Amino acid sequence: MTLGDLADEIAQRRKRPIDDVETVRRAINRLQTTITEKIRQELGRPIDHNDVVEALPFSGASNVHGYRLNPRTVLLMADPL
């Protein structure tokens, strides 16, 4: 998901526009740091900053930056009904 897409989704849910997408980027960076620190503290596991929420590099000429759940380290399971 691109940073712009995330900002749009947040704005839609808040029913207020996002003034600066950099605010969203910084919030995601803080989330990555918090997750990394908690896993290290609680589980004593070595974990990298991008192991849960992975930052994707700028892509080609579009200059798009995005994020995703890291498919190498995050396993999602459906909740049985």
N, C-alpha and C. Protein backbone atom coordinates (compact mmCIF):
# COMPACT_ATOMS: atom_id res chain seq x y z
N MET A 1 0.86 -1.16 0.00
CA MET A 1 0.00 0.00 0.00
C MET A 1 0.91 1.23 0.00
N THR A 2 0.62 2.15 -0.87
CA THR A 2 1.46 3.34 -0.94
C THR A 2 1.18 4.27 0.24
N LEU A 3 2.13 5.13 0.49
CA LEU A 3 1.97 6.10 1.57
C LEU A 3 0.75 6.99 1.30
N GLY A 4 0.56 7.37 0.05
CA GLY A 4 -0.61 8.18 -0.31
C GLY A 4 -1.91 7.44 -0.07
N ASP A 5 -1.94 6.13 -0.41
CA ASP A 5 -3.14 5.32 -0.18
C ASP A 5 -3.45 5.23 1.32
N LEU A 6 -2.41 5.05 2.13
CA LEU A 6 -2.60 5.00 3.58
C LEU A 6 -3.16 6.32 4.10
N ALA A 7 -2.59 7.41 3.64
CA ALA A 7 -3.07 8.73 4.07
C ALA A 7 -4.53 8.93 3.68
N ASP A 8 -4.89 8.51 2.46
CA ASP A 8 -6.28 8.64 2.01
C ASP A 8 -7.22 7.80 2.87
N GLU A 9 -6.81 6.57 3.19
CA GLU A 9 -7.65 5.68 4.01
C GLU A 9 -7.85 6.26 5.41
N ILE A 10 -6.77 6.77 5.99
CA ILE A 10 -6.87 7.38 7.33
C ILE A 10 -7.78 8.59 7.29
N ALA A 11 -7.62 9.43 6.27
CA ALA A 11 -8.45 10.63 6.14
C ALA A 11 -9.92 10.25 6.00
N GLN A 12 -10.20 9.22 5.23
CA GLN A 12 -11.58 8.79 5.04
C GLN A 12 -12.18 8.28 6.35
N ARG A 13 -11.42 7.50 7.10
CA ARG A 13 -11.93 6.97 8.37
C ARG A 13 -12.09 8.05 9.43
N ARG A 14 -11.20 9.03 9.41
CA ARG A 14 -11.29 10.14 10.38
C ARG A 14 -12.29 11.19 9.95
N LYS A 15 -12.67 11.14 8.67
CA LYS A 15 -13.55 12.15 8.09
C LYS A 15 -12.93 13.54 8.15
N ARG A 16 -11.60 13.56 8.04
CA ARG A 16 -10.82 14.80 8.00
C ARG A 16 -9.63 14.57 7.09
N PRO A 17 -9.24 15.57 6.32
CA PRO A 17 -8.09 15.38 5.44
C PRO A 17 -6.78 15.30 6.21
N ILE A 18 -5.82 14.63 5.62
CA ILE A 18 -4.47 14.57 6.17
C ILE A 18 -3.70 15.74 5.58
N ASP A 19 -3.18 16.59 6.42
CA ASP A 19 -2.48 17.78 5.94
C ASP A 19 -1.13 17.45 5.32
N ASP A 20 -0.46 16.43 5.84
CA ASP A 20 0.89 16.13 5.40
C ASP A 20 1.12 14.63 5.46
N VAL A 21 1.41 14.00 4.32
CA VAL A 21 1.63 12.55 4.32
C VAL A 21 2.87 12.16 5.12
N GLU A 22 3.77 13.11 5.34
CA GLU A 22 4.94 12.83 6.17
C GLU A 22 4.54 12.48 7.60
N THR A 23 3.42 13.03 8.06
CA THR A 23 2.89 12.70 9.37
C THR A 23 2.54 11.22 9.44
N VAL A 24 1.96 10.70 8.38
CA VAL A 24 1.62 9.28 8.30
C VAL A 24 2.90 8.44 8.29
N ARG A 25 3.89 8.86 7.50
CA ARG A 25 5.15 8.13 7.44
C ARG A 25 5.82 8.06 8.81
N ARG A 26 5.81 9.18 9.52
CA ARG A 26 6.43 9.19 10.86
C ARG A 26 5.66 8.29 11.83
N ALA A 27 4.33 8.27 11.72
CA ALA A 27 3.52 7.40 12.59
C ALA A 27 3.82 5.93 12.32
N ILE A 28 3.99 5.58 11.06
CA ILE A 28 4.32 4.19 10.72
C ILE A 28 5.71 3.85 11.23
N ASN A 29 6.63 4.78 11.12
CA ASN A 29 7.97 4.56 11.64
C ASN A 29 7.94 4.32 13.15
N ARG A 30 7.13 5.11 13.87
CA ARG A 30 6.99 4.91 15.32
C ARG A 30 6.37 3.54 15.62
N LEU A 31 5.39 3.13 14.81
CA LEU A 31 4.77 1.82 14.97
C LEU A 31 5.81 0.72 14.79
N GLN A 32 6.63 0.83 13.75
CA GLN A 32 7.68 -0.16 13.52
C GLN A 32 8.63 -0.24 14.73
N THR A 33 9.01 0.90 15.25
CA THR A 33 9.92 0.95 16.40
C THR A 33 9.26 0.32 17.63
N THR A 34 8.00 0.64 17.88
CA THR A 34 7.29 0.09 19.03
C THR A 34 7.17 -1.42 18.94
N ILE A 35 6.80 -1.93 17.78
CA ILE A 35 6.68 -3.38 17.58
C ILE A 35 8.03 -4.06 17.81
N THR A 36 9.08 -3.49 17.22
CA THR A 36 10.43 -4.06 17.36
C THR A 36 10.85 -4.10 18.82
N GLU A 37 10.66 -3.00 19.54
CA GLU A 37 11.06 -2.95 20.95
C GLU A 37 10.26 -3.93 21.80
N LYS A 38 8.95 -4.03 21.57
CA LYS A 38 8.11 -4.94 22.36
C LYS A 38 8.51 -6.39 22.15
N ILE A 39 8.74 -6.77 20.91
CA ILE A 39 9.12 -8.17 20.63
C ILE A 39 10.47 -8.47 21.26
N ARG A 40 11.39 -7.54 21.17
CA ARG A 40 12.70 -7.75 21.80
C ARG A 40 12.57 -7.88 23.32
N GLN A 41 11.78 -6.99 23.94
CA GLN A 41 11.62 -6.99 25.40
C GLN A 41 10.83 -8.20 25.89
N GLU A 42 9.68 -8.45 25.27
CA GLU A 42 8.77 -9.48 25.76
C GLU A 42 9.21 -10.89 25.39
N LEU A 43 9.76 -11.06 24.21
CA LEU A 43 10.10 -12.40 23.73
C LEU A 43 11.61 -12.65 23.67
N GLY A 44 12.39 -11.59 23.79
CA GLY A 44 13.84 -11.72 23.71
C GLY A 44 14.31 -12.18 22.34
N ARG A 45 13.53 -11.91 21.33
CA ARG A 45 13.86 -12.35 19.97
C ARG A 45 14.58 -11.25 19.20
N PRO A 46 15.56 -11.65 18.41
CA PRO A 46 16.18 -10.65 17.53
C PRO A 46 15.21 -10.31 16.40
N ILE A 47 14.99 -9.06 16.19
CA ILE A 47 14.04 -8.64 15.17
C ILE A 47 14.54 -7.34 14.56
N ASP A 48 14.34 -7.21 13.27
CA ASP A 48 14.75 -6.02 12.54
C ASP A 48 13.57 -5.06 12.43
N HIS A 49 13.86 -3.82 12.18
CA HIS A 49 12.86 -2.74 12.06
C HIS A 49 11.79 -3.06 11.01
N ASN A 50 12.14 -3.76 9.93
CA ASN A 50 11.22 -4.06 8.83
C ASN A 50 10.65 -5.48 8.89
N ASP A 51 10.85 -6.19 9.99
CA ASP A 51 10.41 -7.59 10.04
C ASP A 51 8.90 -7.77 10.15
N VAL A 52 8.17 -6.80 10.63
CA VAL A 52 6.71 -6.92 10.72
C VAL A 52 6.05 -6.02 9.68
N VAL A 53 6.26 -4.72 9.81
CA VAL A 53 5.76 -3.77 8.81
C VAL A 53 6.97 -3.38 7.95
N GLU A 54 6.94 -3.82 6.72
CA GLU A 54 8.08 -3.62 5.83
C GLU A 54 7.90 -2.35 4.99
N ALA A 55 8.92 -1.51 5.01
CA ALA A 55 8.92 -0.31 4.16
C ALA A 55 9.41 -0.72 2.78
N LEU A 56 8.64 -0.36 1.76
CA LEU A 56 9.02 -0.67 0.40
C LEU A 56 9.70 0.55 -0.22
N PRO A 57 10.74 0.32 -0.99
CA PRO A 57 11.47 1.44 -1.58
C PRO A 57 10.66 2.15 -2.66
N PHE A 58 11.13 3.30 -3.02
CA PHE A 58 10.52 4.03 -4.13
C PHE A 58 10.54 3.14 -5.36
N SER A 59 9.46 3.14 -6.11
CA SER A 59 9.37 2.26 -7.27
C SER A 59 9.42 3.05 -8.58
N GLY A 60 10.49 2.85 -9.29
CA GLY A 60 10.62 3.39 -10.63
C GLY A 60 10.41 4.88 -10.74
N ALA A 61 9.88 5.28 -11.88
CA ALA A 61 9.69 6.69 -12.17
C ALA A 61 8.55 7.31 -11.38
N SER A 62 7.65 6.46 -10.85
CA SER A 62 6.49 6.99 -10.13
C SER A 62 6.87 7.55 -8.77
N ASN A 63 8.07 7.20 -8.27
CA ASN A 63 8.55 7.71 -6.99
C ASN A 63 7.58 7.38 -5.86
N VAL A 64 7.02 6.17 -5.86
CA VAL A 64 6.03 5.76 -4.87
C VAL A 64 6.71 4.96 -3.77
N HIS A 65 6.40 5.32 -2.54
CA HIS A 65 6.91 4.63 -1.37
C HIS A 65 5.73 3.97 -0.68
N GLY A 66 5.92 2.75 -0.17
CA GLY A 66 4.79 2.08 0.44
C GLY A 66 5.18 1.18 1.60
N TYR A 67 4.19 0.47 2.12
CA TYR A 67 4.37 -0.42 3.26
C TYR A 67 3.54 -1.67 3.06
N ARG A 68 3.96 -2.75 3.69
CA ARG A 68 3.19 -3.98 3.68
C ARG A 68 3.57 -4.80 4.91
N LEU A 69 2.71 -5.76 5.25
CA LEU A 69 3.10 -6.74 6.26
C LEU A 69 4.14 -7.64 5.61
N ASN A 70 5.23 -7.86 6.28
CA ASN A 70 6.34 -8.61 5.70
C ASN A 70 5.93 -10.07 5.51
N PRO A 71 5.82 -10.53 4.27
CA PRO A 71 5.35 -11.90 4.03
C PRO A 71 6.34 -12.97 4.45
N ARG A 72 7.60 -12.61 4.69
CA ARG A 72 8.60 -13.60 5.13
C ARG A 72 8.51 -13.87 6.62
N THR A 73 7.93 -12.94 7.38
CA THR A 73 7.95 -13.10 8.83
C THR A 73 6.57 -13.01 9.50
N VAL A 74 5.55 -12.56 8.78
CA VAL A 74 4.23 -12.41 9.36
C VAL A 74 3.30 -13.45 8.74
N LEU A 75 2.71 -14.26 9.58
CA LEU A 75 1.76 -15.28 9.14
C LEU A 75 0.38 -14.89 9.63
N LEU A 76 -0.52 -14.68 8.69
CA LEU A 76 -1.90 -14.34 9.04
C LEU A 76 -2.74 -15.60 8.99
N MET A 77 -3.59 -15.77 9.97
CA MET A 77 -4.46 -16.94 10.02
C MET A 77 -5.90 -16.48 10.12
N ALA A 78 -6.77 -17.14 9.41
CA ALA A 78 -8.19 -16.82 9.47
C ALA A 78 -8.75 -17.27 10.81
N ASP A 79 -9.66 -16.48 11.33
CA ASP A 79 -10.33 -16.80 12.58
C ASP A 79 -11.51 -17.73 12.26
N PRO A 80 -11.48 -18.96 12.76
CA PRO A 80 -12.60 -19.86 12.47
C PRO A 80 -13.90 -19.35 13.08
N LEU A 81 -14.93 -19.43 12.31
CA LEU A 81 -16.23 -18.95 12.79
C LEU A 81 -16.96 -19.99 13.60
